[in-house]
């Protein structure tokens, strides 16, 4: 399907969150879900997204407009069958949600925390949904979930985090949505100092 790949030289296109306004725009739960769906499922019409999320087309149009205002999505007019049909696609494959600098303005730190909380809530909802939805046995057996406690220094945690991100990137790059039997697989990585 046209517009599915945003890769340049094999690397995913990533948008960095650079302002509190941009972060607050993304922190809305429906907007984050819509952006995720466009990244995983490819371009969609407003009507298809409205049906998928059980929302009115006007509601979806409003949220798509906000996502477009901050560069997260873009229209895909070449996919429209006529001028009334509006298609949208993700403008990037990933979002960099790095922690703001220690001296960042309070509004930026608060907005960043709101985005990160929303991401965690979305991950939790996806994990709960994965438990609730019956999967073919080979997919259930292939999946994993777990955690480990390691006593590390901050430098070691940084090294472990980089290795975990590299593993996720390796499998993202090896993936092929056109391969027989391929399905979207979510690899979620968290490594943090316990509060």
N, C-alpha and C. Protein backbone atom coordinates (compact mmCIF):
# COMPACT_ATOMS: atom_id res chain seq x y z
N UNK A 1 0.84 -1.18 0.00
CA UNK A 1 0.00 0.00 0.00
C UNK A 1 0.89 1.24 0.00
N UNK A 2 0.53 2.20 -0.79
CA UNK A 2 1.30 3.44 -0.91
C UNK A 2 1.35 4.19 0.41
N UNK A 3 2.50 4.77 0.70
CA UNK A 3 2.64 5.59 1.89
C UNK A 3 2.95 4.81 3.15
N UNK A 4 3.18 3.50 3.05
CA UNK A 4 3.40 2.69 4.24
C UNK A 4 4.79 2.88 4.83
N UNK A 5 5.76 3.16 4.03
CA UNK A 5 7.13 3.23 4.55
C UNK A 5 7.60 4.66 4.62
N UNK A 6 8.11 5.03 5.77
CA UNK A 6 8.71 6.34 5.97
C UNK A 6 10.21 6.20 6.19
N UNK A 7 10.80 5.13 5.70
CA UNK A 7 12.21 4.87 5.95
C UNK A 7 13.08 5.57 4.91
N UNK A 8 14.22 6.03 5.37
CA UNK A 8 15.25 6.58 4.50
C UNK A 8 16.53 5.83 4.82
N UNK A 9 17.10 5.18 3.84
CA UNK A 9 18.32 4.39 4.04
C UNK A 9 18.17 3.36 5.14
N UNK A 10 16.98 2.74 5.28
CA UNK A 10 16.77 1.69 6.25
C UNK A 10 16.47 2.17 7.66
N UNK A 11 16.71 3.42 7.96
CA UNK A 11 16.45 3.94 9.31
C UNK A 11 15.06 4.55 9.36
N UNK A 12 14.34 4.33 10.46
CA UNK A 12 13.00 4.92 10.56
C UNK A 12 13.07 6.43 10.72
N UNK A 13 12.07 7.11 10.18
CA UNK A 13 11.97 8.56 10.41
C UNK A 13 11.39 8.76 11.79
N UNK A 14 12.04 9.60 12.56
CA UNK A 14 11.66 9.83 13.96
C UNK A 14 11.38 11.31 14.16
N UNK A 15 10.29 11.62 14.84
CA UNK A 15 9.99 12.99 15.20
C UNK A 15 10.34 13.18 16.68
N UNK A 16 11.06 14.25 16.96
CA UNK A 16 11.42 14.56 18.35
C UNK A 16 10.41 15.55 18.91
N UNK A 17 10.04 15.36 20.15
CA UNK A 17 9.14 16.30 20.82
C UNK A 17 9.98 17.47 21.32
N UNK A 18 9.67 18.67 20.82
CA UNK A 18 10.53 19.82 21.10
C UNK A 18 9.84 20.97 21.83
N UNK A 19 8.51 20.89 22.00
CA UNK A 19 7.83 21.98 22.69
C UNK A 19 6.72 21.42 23.58
N UNK A 20 6.37 22.18 24.60
CA UNK A 20 5.30 21.77 25.50
C UNK A 20 3.97 21.66 24.75
N UNK A 21 3.71 22.58 23.81
CA UNK A 21 2.46 22.54 23.04
C UNK A 21 2.37 21.26 22.21
N UNK A 22 3.47 20.90 21.59
CA UNK A 22 3.52 19.69 20.78
C UNK A 22 3.28 18.45 21.67
N UNK A 23 3.90 18.44 22.84
CA UNK A 23 3.74 17.31 23.76
C UNK A 23 2.30 17.20 24.25
N UNK A 24 1.69 18.35 24.60
CA UNK A 24 0.29 18.32 25.07
C UNK A 24 -0.64 17.85 23.96
N UNK A 25 -0.35 18.22 22.72
CA UNK A 25 -1.18 17.78 21.61
C UNK A 25 -1.13 16.26 21.46
N UNK A 26 0.02 15.68 21.65
CA UNK A 26 0.17 14.23 21.51
C UNK A 26 -0.35 13.47 22.73
N UNK A 27 -0.37 14.10 23.89
CA UNK A 27 -0.73 13.41 25.13
C UNK A 27 -2.20 12.99 25.20
N UNK A 28 -3.03 13.44 24.27
CA UNK A 28 -4.44 13.04 24.26
C UNK A 28 -4.54 11.55 23.91
N UNK A 29 -5.28 10.77 24.69
CA UNK A 29 -5.30 9.31 24.45
C UNK A 29 -5.78 8.91 23.06
N UNK A 30 -6.83 9.54 22.54
CA UNK A 30 -7.32 9.17 21.21
C UNK A 30 -6.31 9.54 20.13
N UNK A 31 -5.69 10.70 20.27
CA UNK A 31 -4.69 11.10 19.27
C UNK A 31 -3.53 10.11 19.24
N UNK A 32 -3.10 9.69 20.41
CA UNK A 32 -1.98 8.74 20.45
C UNK A 32 -2.38 7.41 19.83
N UNK A 33 -3.61 6.97 20.06
CA UNK A 33 -4.07 5.71 19.46
C UNK A 33 -4.19 5.83 17.95
N UNK A 34 -4.72 6.95 17.47
CA UNK A 34 -4.86 7.17 16.03
C UNK A 34 -3.48 7.18 15.37
N UNK A 35 -2.55 7.89 15.96
CA UNK A 35 -1.19 7.93 15.40
C UNK A 35 -0.59 6.53 15.35
N UNK A 36 -0.75 5.78 16.42
CA UNK A 36 -0.25 4.40 16.44
C UNK A 36 -0.88 3.54 15.36
N UNK A 37 -2.19 3.68 15.17
CA UNK A 37 -2.88 2.90 14.14
C UNK A 37 -2.38 3.25 12.75
N UNK A 38 -2.17 4.54 12.49
CA UNK A 38 -1.66 4.95 11.17
C UNK A 38 -0.25 4.42 10.96
N UNK A 39 0.54 4.33 12.01
CA UNK A 39 1.90 3.79 11.87
C UNK A 39 1.89 2.29 11.62
N UNK A 40 1.02 1.57 12.30
CA UNK A 40 0.99 0.12 12.17
C UNK A 40 0.19 -0.32 10.95
N UNK A 41 -1.00 0.25 10.78
CA UNK A 41 -1.91 -0.20 9.73
C UNK A 41 -1.80 0.53 8.42
N UNK A 42 -1.07 1.65 8.41
CA UNK A 42 -0.94 2.41 7.19
C UNK A 42 -2.04 3.44 7.03
N UNK A 43 -2.05 4.15 5.91
CA UNK A 43 -3.01 5.23 5.69
C UNK A 43 -4.46 4.76 5.83
N UNK A 44 -5.28 5.64 6.35
CA UNK A 44 -6.71 5.36 6.53
C UNK A 44 -7.52 6.60 6.23
N UNK A 45 -8.78 6.39 5.92
CA UNK A 45 -9.70 7.52 5.77
C UNK A 45 -10.23 7.91 7.13
N UNK A 46 -10.77 9.12 7.20
CA UNK A 46 -11.42 9.58 8.44
C UNK A 46 -12.53 8.61 8.81
N UNK A 47 -13.32 8.19 7.81
CA UNK A 47 -14.42 7.27 8.07
C UNK A 47 -13.96 5.94 8.63
N UNK A 48 -12.88 5.39 8.08
CA UNK A 48 -12.36 4.11 8.57
C UNK A 48 -11.85 4.25 10.00
N UNK A 49 -11.19 5.37 10.29
CA UNK A 49 -10.70 5.59 11.66
C UNK A 49 -11.86 5.79 12.63
N UNK A 50 -12.89 6.51 12.18
CA UNK A 50 -14.06 6.74 13.03
C UNK A 50 -14.73 5.41 13.38
N UNK A 51 -14.85 4.53 12.39
CA UNK A 51 -15.45 3.22 12.63
C UNK A 51 -14.57 2.38 13.56
N UNK A 52 -13.28 2.39 13.33
CA UNK A 52 -12.35 1.60 14.14
C UNK A 52 -12.38 2.01 15.61
N UNK A 53 -12.42 3.33 15.86
CA UNK A 53 -12.37 3.82 17.23
C UNK A 53 -13.74 4.12 17.82
N UNK A 54 -14.81 3.92 17.06
CA UNK A 54 -16.15 4.16 17.57
C UNK A 54 -16.40 5.63 17.89
N UNK A 55 -15.85 6.51 17.08
CA UNK A 55 -15.99 7.95 17.27
C UNK A 55 -16.66 8.56 16.04
N UNK A 56 -17.25 9.72 16.23
CA UNK A 56 -17.86 10.44 15.11
C UNK A 56 -16.77 10.92 14.14
N UNK A 57 -17.05 10.92 12.84
CA UNK A 57 -16.06 11.41 11.88
C UNK A 57 -15.58 12.83 12.19
N UNK A 58 -16.48 13.69 12.66
CA UNK A 58 -16.08 15.06 13.02
C UNK A 58 -15.07 15.08 14.14
N UNK A 59 -15.24 14.18 15.11
CA UNK A 59 -14.29 14.08 16.23
C UNK A 59 -12.93 13.66 15.71
N UNK A 60 -12.92 12.64 14.84
CA UNK A 60 -11.64 12.17 14.28
C UNK A 60 -10.99 13.24 13.43
N UNK A 61 -11.78 13.97 12.65
CA UNK A 61 -11.22 15.04 11.82
C UNK A 61 -10.55 16.10 12.70
N UNK A 62 -11.19 16.46 13.80
CA UNK A 62 -10.62 17.45 14.71
C UNK A 62 -9.26 16.96 15.25
N UNK A 63 -9.23 15.72 15.74
CA UNK A 63 -7.99 15.20 16.32
C UNK A 63 -6.90 15.02 15.25
N UNK A 64 -7.28 14.59 14.05
CA UNK A 64 -6.30 14.50 12.96
C UNK A 64 -5.75 15.87 12.62
N UNK A 65 -6.60 16.88 12.65
CA UNK A 65 -6.14 18.25 12.40
C UNK A 65 -5.12 18.70 13.42
N UNK A 66 -5.35 18.36 14.70
CA UNK A 66 -4.38 18.71 15.75
C UNK A 66 -3.07 17.94 15.54
N UNK A 67 -3.15 16.67 15.20
CA UNK A 67 -1.93 15.91 14.93
C UNK A 67 -1.18 16.48 13.74
N UNK A 68 -1.92 16.90 12.71
CA UNK A 68 -1.29 17.49 11.53
C UNK A 68 -0.65 18.84 11.86
N UNK A 69 -1.30 19.61 12.70
CA UNK A 69 -0.77 20.93 13.09
C UNK A 69 0.64 20.82 13.67
N UNK A 70 0.90 19.73 14.37
CA UNK A 70 2.20 19.55 15.01
C UNK A 70 3.10 18.57 14.26
N UNK A 71 2.71 18.20 13.03
CA UNK A 71 3.58 17.42 12.16
C UNK A 71 3.61 15.93 12.40
N UNK A 72 2.63 15.39 13.16
CA UNK A 72 2.61 13.95 13.42
C UNK A 72 1.98 13.16 12.27
N UNK A 73 0.98 13.75 11.60
CA UNK A 73 0.31 13.10 10.48
C UNK A 73 0.23 14.07 9.31
N UNK A 74 -0.08 13.52 8.14
CA UNK A 74 -0.25 14.35 6.96
C UNK A 74 -1.32 13.71 6.08
N UNK A 75 -1.94 14.54 5.28
CA UNK A 75 -2.95 14.02 4.36
C UNK A 75 -2.26 13.21 3.26
N UNK A 76 -3.01 12.26 2.71
CA UNK A 76 -2.53 11.43 1.61
C UNK A 76 -3.54 11.53 0.47
N UNK A 77 -3.61 12.71 -0.19
CA UNK A 77 -4.66 12.93 -1.20
C UNK A 77 -4.57 12.00 -2.40
N UNK A 78 -3.39 11.46 -2.67
CA UNK A 78 -3.23 10.58 -3.82
C UNK A 78 -4.01 9.27 -3.65
N UNK A 79 -4.44 8.95 -2.43
CA UNK A 79 -5.18 7.72 -2.17
C UNK A 79 -6.70 7.91 -2.29
N UNK A 80 -7.14 9.14 -2.36
CA UNK A 80 -8.58 9.43 -2.38
C UNK A 80 -9.22 9.05 -3.71
N UNK A 81 -10.39 8.44 -3.63
CA UNK A 81 -11.14 8.09 -4.83
C UNK A 81 -11.84 9.32 -5.41
N UNK A 82 -12.16 10.29 -4.54
CA UNK A 82 -12.78 11.55 -4.97
C UNK A 82 -12.40 12.65 -3.99
N UNK A 83 -12.85 13.87 -4.27
CA UNK A 83 -12.44 15.02 -3.45
C UNK A 83 -13.07 15.02 -2.05
N UNK A 84 -14.12 14.25 -1.85
CA UNK A 84 -14.75 14.20 -0.53
C UNK A 84 -14.03 13.26 0.42
N UNK A 85 -13.29 12.30 -0.12
CA UNK A 85 -12.61 11.30 0.69
C UNK A 85 -11.26 11.85 1.18
N UNK A 86 -11.04 11.82 2.49
CA UNK A 86 -9.78 12.31 3.06
C UNK A 86 -9.01 11.16 3.69
N UNK A 87 -7.82 10.93 3.16
CA UNK A 87 -6.92 9.91 3.68
C UNK A 87 -5.83 10.59 4.50
N UNK A 88 -5.38 9.88 5.53
CA UNK A 88 -4.31 10.38 6.40
C UNK A 88 -3.27 9.29 6.60
N UNK A 89 -2.04 9.72 6.80
CA UNK A 89 -0.94 8.79 7.10
C UNK A 89 -0.06 9.42 8.17
N UNK A 90 0.71 8.58 8.82
CA UNK A 90 1.70 9.06 9.78
C UNK A 90 2.83 9.73 9.02
N UNK A 91 3.34 10.81 9.57
CA UNK A 91 4.46 11.51 8.94
C UNK A 91 5.80 10.91 9.35
N UNK A 92 5.80 10.06 10.38
CA UNK A 92 7.02 9.46 10.92
C UNK A 92 6.70 8.05 11.40
N UNK A 93 7.73 7.24 11.55
CA UNK A 93 7.54 5.89 12.08
C UNK A 93 7.62 5.82 13.59
N UNK A 94 8.23 6.81 14.21
CA UNK A 94 8.43 6.76 15.66
C UNK A 94 8.51 8.17 16.24
N UNK A 95 8.31 8.24 17.54
CA UNK A 95 8.41 9.50 18.27
C UNK A 95 9.47 9.36 19.34
N UNK A 96 10.39 10.31 19.40
CA UNK A 96 11.41 10.35 20.44
C UNK A 96 10.83 11.10 21.63
N UNK A 97 10.59 10.39 22.71
CA UNK A 97 10.01 10.98 23.91
C UNK A 97 11.09 11.02 24.98
N UNK A 98 12.18 11.66 24.69
CA UNK A 98 13.28 11.78 25.64
C UNK A 98 12.88 12.69 26.80
N UNK A 99 13.45 12.42 27.94
CA UNK A 99 13.23 13.26 29.11
C UNK A 99 13.85 14.63 28.86
N UNK A 100 13.11 15.72 29.16
CA UNK A 100 13.69 17.05 28.95
C UNK A 100 14.92 17.29 29.83
N UNK A 101 15.71 18.26 29.43
CA UNK A 101 16.90 18.64 30.21
C UNK A 101 16.47 19.08 31.61
N UNK A 102 17.36 18.92 32.55
CA UNK A 102 17.05 19.28 33.94
C UNK A 102 16.68 20.75 34.07
N UNK A 103 17.22 21.60 33.22
CA UNK A 103 16.93 23.04 33.31
C UNK A 103 15.81 23.47 32.35
N UNK A 104 15.07 22.51 31.79
CA UNK A 104 13.96 22.84 30.89
C UNK A 104 12.86 23.56 31.68
N UNK A 105 12.10 24.40 31.02
CA UNK A 105 11.00 25.09 31.71
C UNK A 105 10.02 24.08 32.32
N UNK A 106 9.39 24.48 33.39
CA UNK A 106 8.46 23.59 34.09
C UNK A 106 7.33 23.12 33.18
N UNK A 107 6.82 24.00 32.31
CA UNK A 107 5.75 23.62 31.40
C UNK A 107 6.19 22.47 30.49
N UNK A 108 7.44 22.51 30.04
CA UNK A 108 7.95 21.44 29.18
C UNK A 108 8.11 20.14 29.97
N UNK A 109 8.62 20.23 31.19
CA UNK A 109 8.77 19.02 32.02
C UNK A 109 7.41 18.40 32.32
N UNK A 110 6.40 19.23 32.63
CA UNK A 110 5.06 18.72 32.91
C UNK A 110 4.42 18.09 31.67
N UNK A 111 4.58 18.73 30.53
CA UNK A 111 4.01 18.19 29.30
C UNK A 111 4.69 16.88 28.92
N UNK A 112 6.00 16.80 29.13
CA UNK A 112 6.73 15.56 28.86
C UNK A 112 6.24 14.43 29.76
N UNK A 113 6.03 14.75 31.02
CA UNK A 113 5.51 13.74 31.95
C UNK A 113 4.12 13.27 31.51
N UNK A 114 3.27 14.19 31.04
CA UNK A 114 1.93 13.82 30.59
C UNK A 114 2.01 12.87 29.40
N UNK A 115 2.90 13.14 28.44
CA UNK A 115 3.06 12.26 27.28
C UNK A 115 3.55 10.89 27.74
N UNK A 116 4.56 10.87 28.60
CA UNK A 116 5.11 9.59 29.04
C UNK A 116 4.09 8.77 29.83
N UNK A 117 3.27 9.43 30.65
CA UNK A 117 2.20 8.72 31.36
C UNK A 117 1.20 8.13 30.37
N UNK A 118 0.85 8.90 29.34
CA UNK A 118 -0.10 8.42 28.35
C UNK A 118 0.47 7.22 27.59
N UNK A 119 1.76 7.25 27.28
CA UNK A 119 2.40 6.11 26.61
C UNK A 119 2.31 4.87 27.49
N UNK A 120 2.61 5.03 28.77
CA UNK A 120 2.55 3.90 29.70
C UNK A 120 1.12 3.36 29.78
N UNK A 121 0.13 4.25 29.85
CA UNK A 121 -1.27 3.81 29.88
C UNK A 121 -1.63 3.05 28.61
N UNK A 122 -1.15 3.54 27.48
CA UNK A 122 -1.41 2.87 26.21
C UNK A 122 -0.75 1.49 26.18
N UNK A 123 0.48 1.40 26.64
CA UNK A 123 1.16 0.10 26.71
C UNK A 123 0.38 -0.86 27.60
N UNK A 124 -0.06 -0.39 28.76
CA UNK A 124 -0.81 -1.25 29.69
C UNK A 124 -2.10 -1.74 29.02
N UNK A 125 -2.80 -0.84 28.32
CA UNK A 125 -4.04 -1.24 27.65
C UNK A 125 -3.76 -2.29 26.57
N UNK A 126 -2.67 -2.11 25.82
CA UNK A 126 -2.31 -3.10 24.79
C UNK A 126 -1.98 -4.45 25.42
N UNK A 127 -1.25 -4.43 26.52
CA UNK A 127 -0.90 -5.68 27.20
C UNK A 127 -2.15 -6.38 27.74
N UNK A 128 -3.06 -5.62 28.35
CA UNK A 128 -4.31 -6.21 28.83
C UNK A 128 -5.11 -6.80 27.67
N UNK A 129 -5.17 -6.08 26.57
CA UNK A 129 -5.91 -6.55 25.39
C UNK A 129 -5.28 -7.84 24.84
N UNK A 130 -3.97 -7.91 24.84
CA UNK A 130 -3.28 -9.11 24.36
C UNK A 130 -3.61 -10.32 25.23
N UNK A 131 -3.79 -10.10 26.54
CA UNK A 131 -4.17 -11.20 27.44
C UNK A 131 -5.61 -11.62 27.17
N UNK A 132 -6.48 -10.65 26.89
CA UNK A 132 -7.91 -10.93 26.75
C UNK A 132 -8.30 -11.53 25.41
N UNK A 133 -7.52 -11.26 24.36
CA UNK A 133 -7.87 -11.73 23.01
C UNK A 133 -7.19 -13.06 22.74
N UNK A 134 -8.00 -14.03 22.33
CA UNK A 134 -7.43 -15.35 22.01
C UNK A 134 -6.52 -15.23 20.80
N UNK A 135 -5.33 -15.81 20.92
CA UNK A 135 -4.34 -15.81 19.84
C UNK A 135 -4.09 -17.26 19.43
N UNK A 136 -3.68 -17.47 18.18
CA UNK A 136 -3.26 -18.83 17.80
C UNK A 136 -2.14 -19.30 18.74
N UNK A 137 -2.12 -20.56 19.05
CA UNK A 137 -1.20 -21.11 20.05
C UNK A 137 0.27 -20.79 19.74
N UNK A 138 0.67 -20.85 18.45
CA UNK A 138 2.08 -20.60 18.12
C UNK A 138 2.47 -19.16 18.45
N UNK A 139 1.53 -18.21 18.34
CA UNK A 139 1.82 -16.82 18.69
C UNK A 139 1.90 -16.65 20.21
N UNK A 140 1.03 -17.33 20.94
CA UNK A 140 1.09 -17.25 22.40
C UNK A 140 2.40 -17.86 22.92
N UNK A 141 2.80 -18.98 22.35
CA UNK A 141 4.03 -19.63 22.77
C UNK A 141 5.27 -18.81 22.40
N UNK A 142 5.19 -18.04 21.32
CA UNK A 142 6.34 -17.25 20.86
C UNK A 142 6.51 -15.96 21.65
N UNK A 143 5.47 -15.48 22.31
CA UNK A 143 5.53 -14.21 23.03
C UNK A 143 6.24 -14.36 24.37
N UNK A 144 6.65 -13.24 24.93
CA UNK A 144 7.29 -13.26 26.24
C UNK A 144 6.92 -12.02 27.02
N UNK A 145 6.99 -12.13 28.31
CA UNK A 145 6.77 -11.00 29.19
C UNK A 145 7.49 -11.33 30.49
N UNK A 146 8.12 -10.36 31.07
CA UNK A 146 8.81 -10.62 32.33
C UNK A 146 9.64 -9.42 32.73
N UNK A 147 10.25 -9.55 33.87
CA UNK A 147 11.14 -8.50 34.33
C UNK A 147 12.25 -9.11 35.16
N UNK A 148 13.30 -8.35 35.33
CA UNK A 148 14.46 -8.77 36.09
C UNK A 148 14.94 -7.59 36.92
N UNK A 149 15.36 -7.86 38.14
CA UNK A 149 15.96 -6.82 38.97
C UNK A 149 17.47 -7.01 38.89
N UNK A 150 18.17 -5.97 38.50
CA UNK A 150 19.63 -5.98 38.45
C UNK A 150 20.12 -4.78 39.25
N UNK A 151 21.16 -4.93 39.99
CA UNK A 151 21.73 -3.82 40.77
C UNK A 151 22.85 -3.21 39.94
N UNK A 152 22.56 -2.04 39.35
CA UNK A 152 23.47 -1.42 38.39
C UNK A 152 23.79 0.01 38.78
N UNK A 153 24.85 0.53 38.19
CA UNK A 153 25.14 1.96 38.28
C UNK A 153 24.37 2.66 37.17
N UNK A 154 24.32 3.98 37.21
CA UNK A 154 23.66 4.73 36.14
C UNK A 154 24.33 4.45 34.80
N UNK A 155 25.64 4.33 34.78
CA UNK A 155 26.35 4.05 33.53
C UNK A 155 25.99 2.66 33.00
N UNK A 156 25.87 1.69 33.88
CA UNK A 156 25.48 0.35 33.45
C UNK A 156 24.04 0.32 32.95
N UNK A 157 23.16 1.07 33.61
CA UNK A 157 21.78 1.15 33.14
C UNK A 157 21.73 1.76 31.73
N UNK A 158 22.54 2.78 31.50
CA UNK A 158 22.59 3.39 30.16
C UNK A 158 23.06 2.37 29.13
N UNK A 159 24.05 1.57 29.48
CA UNK A 159 24.54 0.54 28.57
C UNK A 159 23.48 -0.53 28.32
N UNK A 160 22.81 -0.97 29.37
CA UNK A 160 21.74 -1.97 29.22
C UNK A 160 20.60 -1.41 28.37
N UNK A 161 20.24 -0.16 28.60
CA UNK A 161 19.16 0.47 27.81
C UNK A 161 19.52 0.51 26.34
N UNK A 162 20.76 0.89 26.03
CA UNK A 162 21.21 0.94 24.64
C UNK A 162 21.15 -0.45 24.00
N UNK A 163 21.54 -1.48 24.74
CA UNK A 163 21.49 -2.84 24.20
C UNK A 163 20.05 -3.28 23.95
N UNK A 164 19.15 -2.97 24.88
CA UNK A 164 17.74 -3.34 24.70
C UNK A 164 17.14 -2.62 23.48
N UNK A 165 17.45 -1.34 23.32
CA UNK A 165 16.97 -0.60 22.16
C UNK A 165 17.55 -1.18 20.88
N UNK A 166 18.79 -1.63 20.92
CA UNK A 166 19.42 -2.23 19.73
C UNK A 166 18.73 -3.54 19.35
N UNK A 167 18.34 -4.33 20.34
CA UNK A 167 17.62 -5.57 20.06
C UNK A 167 16.28 -5.25 19.40
N UNK A 168 15.55 -4.28 19.94
CA UNK A 168 14.26 -3.90 19.36
C UNK A 168 14.45 -3.39 17.93
N UNK A 169 15.48 -2.57 17.71
CA UNK A 169 15.75 -2.03 16.37
C UNK A 169 16.13 -3.15 15.40
N UNK A 170 16.88 -4.13 15.86
CA UNK A 170 17.28 -5.25 15.00
C UNK A 170 16.05 -5.98 14.46
N UNK A 171 15.09 -6.26 15.33
CA UNK A 171 13.91 -7.00 14.90
C UNK A 171 12.96 -6.12 14.10
N UNK A 172 12.92 -4.83 14.38
CA UNK A 172 12.14 -3.90 13.55
C UNK A 172 12.69 -3.92 12.13
N UNK A 173 14.02 -3.84 12.01
CA UNK A 173 14.66 -3.80 10.69
C UNK A 173 14.52 -5.12 9.94
N UNK A 174 14.50 -6.24 10.66
CA UNK A 174 14.37 -7.55 10.02
C UNK A 174 12.93 -7.84 9.62
N UNK A 175 11.98 -7.13 10.20
CA UNK A 175 10.57 -7.36 9.91
C UNK A 175 10.23 -7.02 8.47
N UNK A 176 9.22 -7.71 7.96
CA UNK A 176 8.75 -7.50 6.59
C UNK A 176 7.24 -7.67 6.59
N UNK A 177 6.51 -6.55 6.52
CA UNK A 177 5.05 -6.65 6.60
C UNK A 177 4.45 -7.44 5.44
N UNK A 178 5.18 -7.61 4.34
CA UNK A 178 4.67 -8.35 3.19
C UNK A 178 4.97 -9.85 3.28
N UNK A 179 5.76 -10.28 4.26
CA UNK A 179 6.13 -11.69 4.37
C UNK A 179 4.91 -12.53 4.75
N UNK A 180 4.84 -13.73 4.19
CA UNK A 180 3.74 -14.64 4.51
C UNK A 180 3.74 -14.94 6.00
N UNK A 181 2.60 -14.78 6.62
CA UNK A 181 2.47 -15.08 8.05
C UNK A 181 2.91 -13.96 8.98
N UNK A 182 3.39 -12.85 8.43
CA UNK A 182 3.84 -11.75 9.28
C UNK A 182 2.65 -11.00 9.85
N UNK A 183 2.79 -10.56 11.09
CA UNK A 183 1.77 -9.77 11.77
C UNK A 183 2.49 -8.72 12.61
N UNK A 184 1.82 -7.62 12.91
CA UNK A 184 2.46 -6.61 13.77
C UNK A 184 2.77 -7.19 15.15
N UNK A 185 3.98 -7.03 15.59
CA UNK A 185 4.42 -7.49 16.91
C UNK A 185 4.94 -6.27 17.66
N UNK A 186 4.43 -6.04 18.84
CA UNK A 186 4.87 -4.88 19.63
C UNK A 186 5.97 -5.33 20.57
N UNK A 187 7.11 -4.67 20.48
CA UNK A 187 8.23 -4.92 21.39
C UNK A 187 8.32 -3.70 22.29
N UNK A 188 8.04 -3.89 23.57
CA UNK A 188 8.02 -2.79 24.53
C UNK A 188 9.24 -2.93 25.43
N UNK A 189 10.01 -1.87 25.54
CA UNK A 189 11.24 -1.91 26.34
C UNK A 189 11.16 -0.84 27.44
N UNK A 190 11.40 -1.25 28.66
CA UNK A 190 11.51 -0.32 29.77
C UNK A 190 12.68 -0.78 30.64
N UNK A 191 13.54 0.13 31.00
CA UNK A 191 14.61 -0.16 31.96
C UNK A 191 14.75 1.11 32.78
N UNK A 192 14.57 1.02 34.08
CA UNK A 192 14.54 2.23 34.92
C UNK A 192 14.95 1.90 36.35
N UNK A 193 15.40 2.93 37.03
CA UNK A 193 15.72 2.79 38.45
C UNK A 193 14.41 2.72 39.21
N UNK A 194 14.28 1.72 40.06
CA UNK A 194 13.05 1.60 40.85
C UNK A 194 12.95 2.79 41.80
N UNK A 195 11.78 3.43 41.82
CA UNK A 195 11.61 4.59 42.73
C UNK A 195 11.66 4.16 44.20
